[in-house]
Amino acid sequence: MINSAPRPRVAFQGEPGAFSEDAAITLLGPEIESVPRPTFAALFSSVAEGLADFAVAPVENSLIGAIEPVVALLRGSALINSGEIVCRIQQQLIGCPGAVLEDIETVESHPAALAQCRRFFTEYPRIVSIAVDDTAGSVARIIKSGNRTRAALAGRRAAKLYGGFIIKENLEDDPENYTRFVLLRSGEIGDSSNRPPFR
């Protein structure tokens, strides 16, 4: 018998291959329907707008602390915590095929990812860090540009999805680099599972 149950639609901030999408797959399985959203604000409105059944958001990281834009949105949100997961985060330096570290002039990524790799930028002061909206999207732009002087910080799955080349592995300042993600959904009055999403 064919299972005709609809796949859960799960929104996350960023492009396919983002760490938040990885967390969503770990929480709900590989059969989810991913719903990429450009900003955290768009992520939080996705459930109310009927675009998604769930939203996955990063709330804190072991190296940099609370993800403040998310925490601010959570405090004013009617969404409730339906689950959570802590994921190890490994930041890869990803460039175009054939790129070498010596040629890299700029590295772009989400501000949280850049902050997790401060030691790398201290070690290579000539490399300029550029804050952008998301990790996976930065890989997509770099690969599309074909410019071997540009690189991005993101996960391995983003490199695989967009055909990127991993120039240097695991740039995070400490291998004990973990992010806590919450799975959010709409709640009803009297819902016994209504737990605060951030404590």
Protein backbone atom coordinates (compact mmCIF):
# COMPACT_ATOMS: atom_id res chain seq x y z
CA MET A 1 0.00 0.00 0.00
CA ILE A 2 1.37 3.39 -1.00
CA ASN A 3 1.66 5.92 1.79
CA SER A 4 -0.19 9.01 0.56
CA ALA A 5 0.43 11.11 3.69
CA PRO A 6 1.76 14.53 2.75
CA ARG A 7 5.38 15.25 3.50
CA PRO A 8 5.88 17.77 6.30
CA ARG A 9 6.84 21.18 4.94
CA VAL A 10 9.72 22.58 6.97
CA ALA A 11 10.93 26.16 6.63
CA PHE A 12 14.49 27.24 7.40
CA GLN A 13 16.53 30.38 6.86
CA GLY A 14 18.92 30.21 3.93
CA GLU A 15 19.33 28.14 0.80
CA PRO A 16 19.30 24.34 0.42
CA GLY A 17 22.38 22.91 2.11
CA ALA A 18 22.16 25.25 5.11
CA PHE A 19 22.91 23.88 8.57
CA SER A 20 19.28 24.54 9.54
CA GLU A 21 18.12 22.26 6.73
CA ASP A 22 20.52 19.59 8.01
CA ALA A 23 18.89 19.95 11.45
CA ALA A 24 15.42 19.68 9.93
CA ILE A 25 16.34 16.46 8.12
CA THR A 26 17.81 15.01 11.32
CA LEU A 27 14.68 15.94 13.28
CA LEU A 28 12.01 14.84 10.80
CA GLY A 29 13.73 12.60 8.26
CA PRO A 30 14.92 12.94 4.66
CA GLU A 31 11.41 12.94 3.19
CA ILE A 32 10.58 16.47 4.33
CA GLU A 33 9.66 19.18 1.86
CA SER A 34 12.22 21.92 2.42
CA VAL A 35 11.00 25.51 2.36
CA PRO A 36 13.98 27.90 2.09
CA ARG A 37 13.33 31.40 3.44
CA PRO A 38 15.57 34.42 2.80
CA THR A 39 15.55 35.94 6.30
CA PHE A 40 14.77 34.97 9.89
CA ALA A 41 11.71 37.24 9.80
CA ALA A 42 10.43 35.42 6.70
CA LEU A 43 11.14 32.12 8.44
CA PHE A 44 9.01 33.02 11.44
CA SER A 45 6.08 34.15 9.29
CA SER A 46 6.13 31.05 7.08
CA VAL A 47 3.91 28.90 9.32
CA ALA A 48 1.25 31.60 9.81
CA GLU A 49 1.28 32.29 6.07
CA GLY A 50 0.57 28.62 5.35
CA LEU A 51 3.85 28.10 3.53
CA ALA A 52 5.17 25.53 6.02
CA ASP A 53 4.01 23.18 8.76
CA PHE A 54 7.17 23.68 10.84
CA ALA A 55 10.05 26.11 11.10
CA VAL A 56 13.57 25.23 12.24
CA ALA A 57 15.67 27.97 13.82
CA PRO A 58 19.12 28.10 15.43
CA VAL A 59 18.90 29.59 18.92
CA GLU A 60 22.39 29.33 20.40
CA ASN A 61 25.90 28.24 19.57
CA SER A 62 28.55 26.93 21.95
CA LEU A 63 31.21 29.32 20.65
CA ILE A 64 29.30 32.57 20.17
CA GLY A 65 26.27 32.21 22.44
CA ALA A 66 22.70 33.17 21.59
CA ILE A 67 21.74 33.86 17.98
CA GLU A 68 20.27 37.24 18.90
CA PRO A 69 18.07 37.93 15.83
CA VAL A 70 16.35 34.56 16.37
CA VAL A 71 15.97 35.04 20.12
CA ALA A 72 14.33 38.44 19.55
CA LEU A 73 11.86 36.93 17.10
CA LEU A 74 11.10 34.02 19.43
CA ARG A 75 10.20 36.36 22.27
CA GLY A 76 7.47 37.94 20.20
CA SER A 77 6.31 34.79 18.42
CA ALA A 78 3.19 32.69 18.91
CA LEU A 79 5.03 29.61 17.62
CA ILE A 80 5.69 26.84 20.12
CA ASN A 81 8.55 24.41 20.58
CA SER A 82 7.78 21.03 19.06
CA GLY A 83 11.28 19.60 19.50
CA GLU A 84 14.94 20.48 19.44
CA ILE A 85 18.31 19.09 18.49
CA VAL A 86 21.94 19.97 19.12
CA CYS A 87 24.16 19.57 16.05
CA ARG A 88 27.91 19.70 15.68
CA ILE A 89 28.86 22.46 13.25
CA GLN A 90 31.92 22.08 11.06
CA GLN A 91 32.75 25.03 8.85
CA GLN A 92 34.46 24.27 5.55
CA LEU A 93 36.27 26.79 3.37
CA ILE A 94 34.63 26.24 -0.01
CA GLY A 95 35.70 27.67 -3.33
CA CYS A 96 35.51 27.03 -7.03
CA PRO A 97 37.11 23.83 -8.35
CA GLY A 98 40.86 24.39 -8.63
CA ALA A 99 40.96 27.20 -6.04
CA VAL A 100 43.87 27.27 -3.59
CA LEU A 101 44.14 29.01 -0.23
CA GLU A 102 46.97 31.27 -1.42
CA ASP A 103 44.68 32.88 -4.00
CA ILE A 104 41.70 33.53 -1.72
CA GLU A 105 41.05 37.24 -1.11
CA THR A 106 37.52 37.22 0.35
CA VAL A 107 35.42 34.77 2.35
CA GLU A 108 31.71 35.27 2.73
CA SER A 109 29.15 33.61 4.97
CA HIS A 110 26.47 34.21 7.58
CA PRO A 111 27.76 36.41 10.45
CA ALA A 112 27.39 33.52 12.92
CA ALA A 113 29.59 31.28 10.76
CA LEU A 114 32.23 33.99 10.40
CA ALA A 115 32.21 34.52 14.17
CA GLN A 116 32.86 30.82 14.73
CA CYS A 117 36.07 31.06 12.67
CA ARG A 118 37.81 34.13 14.10
CA ARG A 119 41.10 32.29 14.53
CA PHE A 120 41.29 31.60 10.79
CA PHE A 121 40.89 35.27 9.94
CA THR A 122 43.51 36.20 12.53
CA GLU A 123 45.89 33.69 10.97
CA TYR A 124 45.21 35.04 7.46
CA PRO A 125 44.71 38.81 7.96
CA ARG A 126 44.93 39.49 4.22
CA ILE A 127 41.63 37.62 3.70
CA VAL A 128 38.58 39.85 4.03
CA SER A 129 35.44 38.42 5.65
CA ILE A 130 32.09 39.45 4.17
CA ALA A 131 28.84 38.95 6.07
CA VAL A 132 25.90 37.77 3.96
CA ASP A 133 22.47 36.26 4.62
CA ASP A 134 23.35 32.57 4.74
CA THR A 135 26.02 29.91 4.47
CA ALA A 136 24.76 27.72 1.64
CA GLY A 137 23.70 30.70 -0.47
CA SER A 138 27.22 32.06 -0.26
CA VAL A 139 28.54 28.80 -1.75
CA ALA A 140 26.01 28.99 -4.59
CA ARG A 141 27.10 32.56 -5.43
CA ILE A 142 30.81 31.73 -5.31
CA ILE A 143 30.44 28.75 -7.63
CA LYS A 144 28.23 30.71 -10.03
CA SER A 145 30.80 33.50 -10.18
CA GLY A 146 33.64 31.14 -11.13
CA ASN A 147 36.01 33.50 -9.30
CA ARG A 148 38.82 31.53 -7.64
CA THR A 149 39.76 34.44 -5.37
CA ARG A 150 36.39 34.16 -3.56
CA ALA A 151 35.41 31.51 -1.04
CA ALA A 152 32.60 30.75 1.40
CA LEU A 153 32.15 29.17 4.82
CA ALA A 154 29.52 26.43 4.93
CA GLY A 155 28.95 22.74 5.52
CA ARG A 156 30.00 19.77 3.43
CA ARG A 157 26.52 19.20 2.04
CA ALA A 158 26.47 22.73 0.61
CA ALA A 159 29.76 22.05 -1.16
CA LYS A 160 28.32 18.86 -2.63
CA LEU A 161 25.02 20.46 -3.67
CA TYR A 162 26.61 23.33 -5.56
CA GLY A 163 29.76 21.65 -6.89
CA GLY A 164 32.13 23.51 -4.58
CA PHE A 165 35.66 22.48 -3.71
CA ILE A 166 36.69 22.22 -0.05
CA ILE A 167 39.92 24.20 0.19
CA LYS A 168 40.42 23.85 3.95
CA GLU A 169 38.48 21.73 6.42
CA ASN A 170 36.97 22.48 9.82
CA LEU A 171 37.82 26.16 10.31
CA GLU A 172 35.74 26.55 13.48
CA ASP A 173 37.76 27.88 16.43
CA ASP A 174 37.05 24.81 18.54
CA PRO A 175 35.99 21.29 17.50
CA GLU A 176 33.40 21.47 20.28
CA ASN A 177 31.27 23.71 18.11
CA TYR A 178 27.57 22.95 18.54
CA THR A 179 24.35 24.76 17.68
CA ARG A 180 20.96 24.16 19.26
CA PHE A 181 18.06 24.25 16.82
CA VAL A 182 14.38 24.36 17.76
CA LEU A 183 11.51 22.92 15.74
CA LEU A 184 8.60 25.36 15.84
CA ARG A 185 4.94 24.99 14.94
CA SER A 186 1.72 26.87 15.48
CA GLY A 187 0.04 26.33 18.85
CA GLU A 188 -3.51 26.31 20.06
CA ILE A 189 -4.93 27.62 23.33
CA GLY A 190 -4.61 24.96 25.99
CA ASP A 191 -2.00 23.01 24.03
CA SER A 192 -0.21 20.93 26.66
CA SER A 193 2.97 20.82 24.59
CA ASN A 194 3.30 24.58 24.64
CA ARG A 195 6.84 24.91 25.87
CA PRO A 196 8.81 28.13 25.61
CA PRO A 197 11.16 27.79 22.60
CA PHE A 198 14.07 29.55 24.30
CA ARG A 199 15.12 29.47 27.92
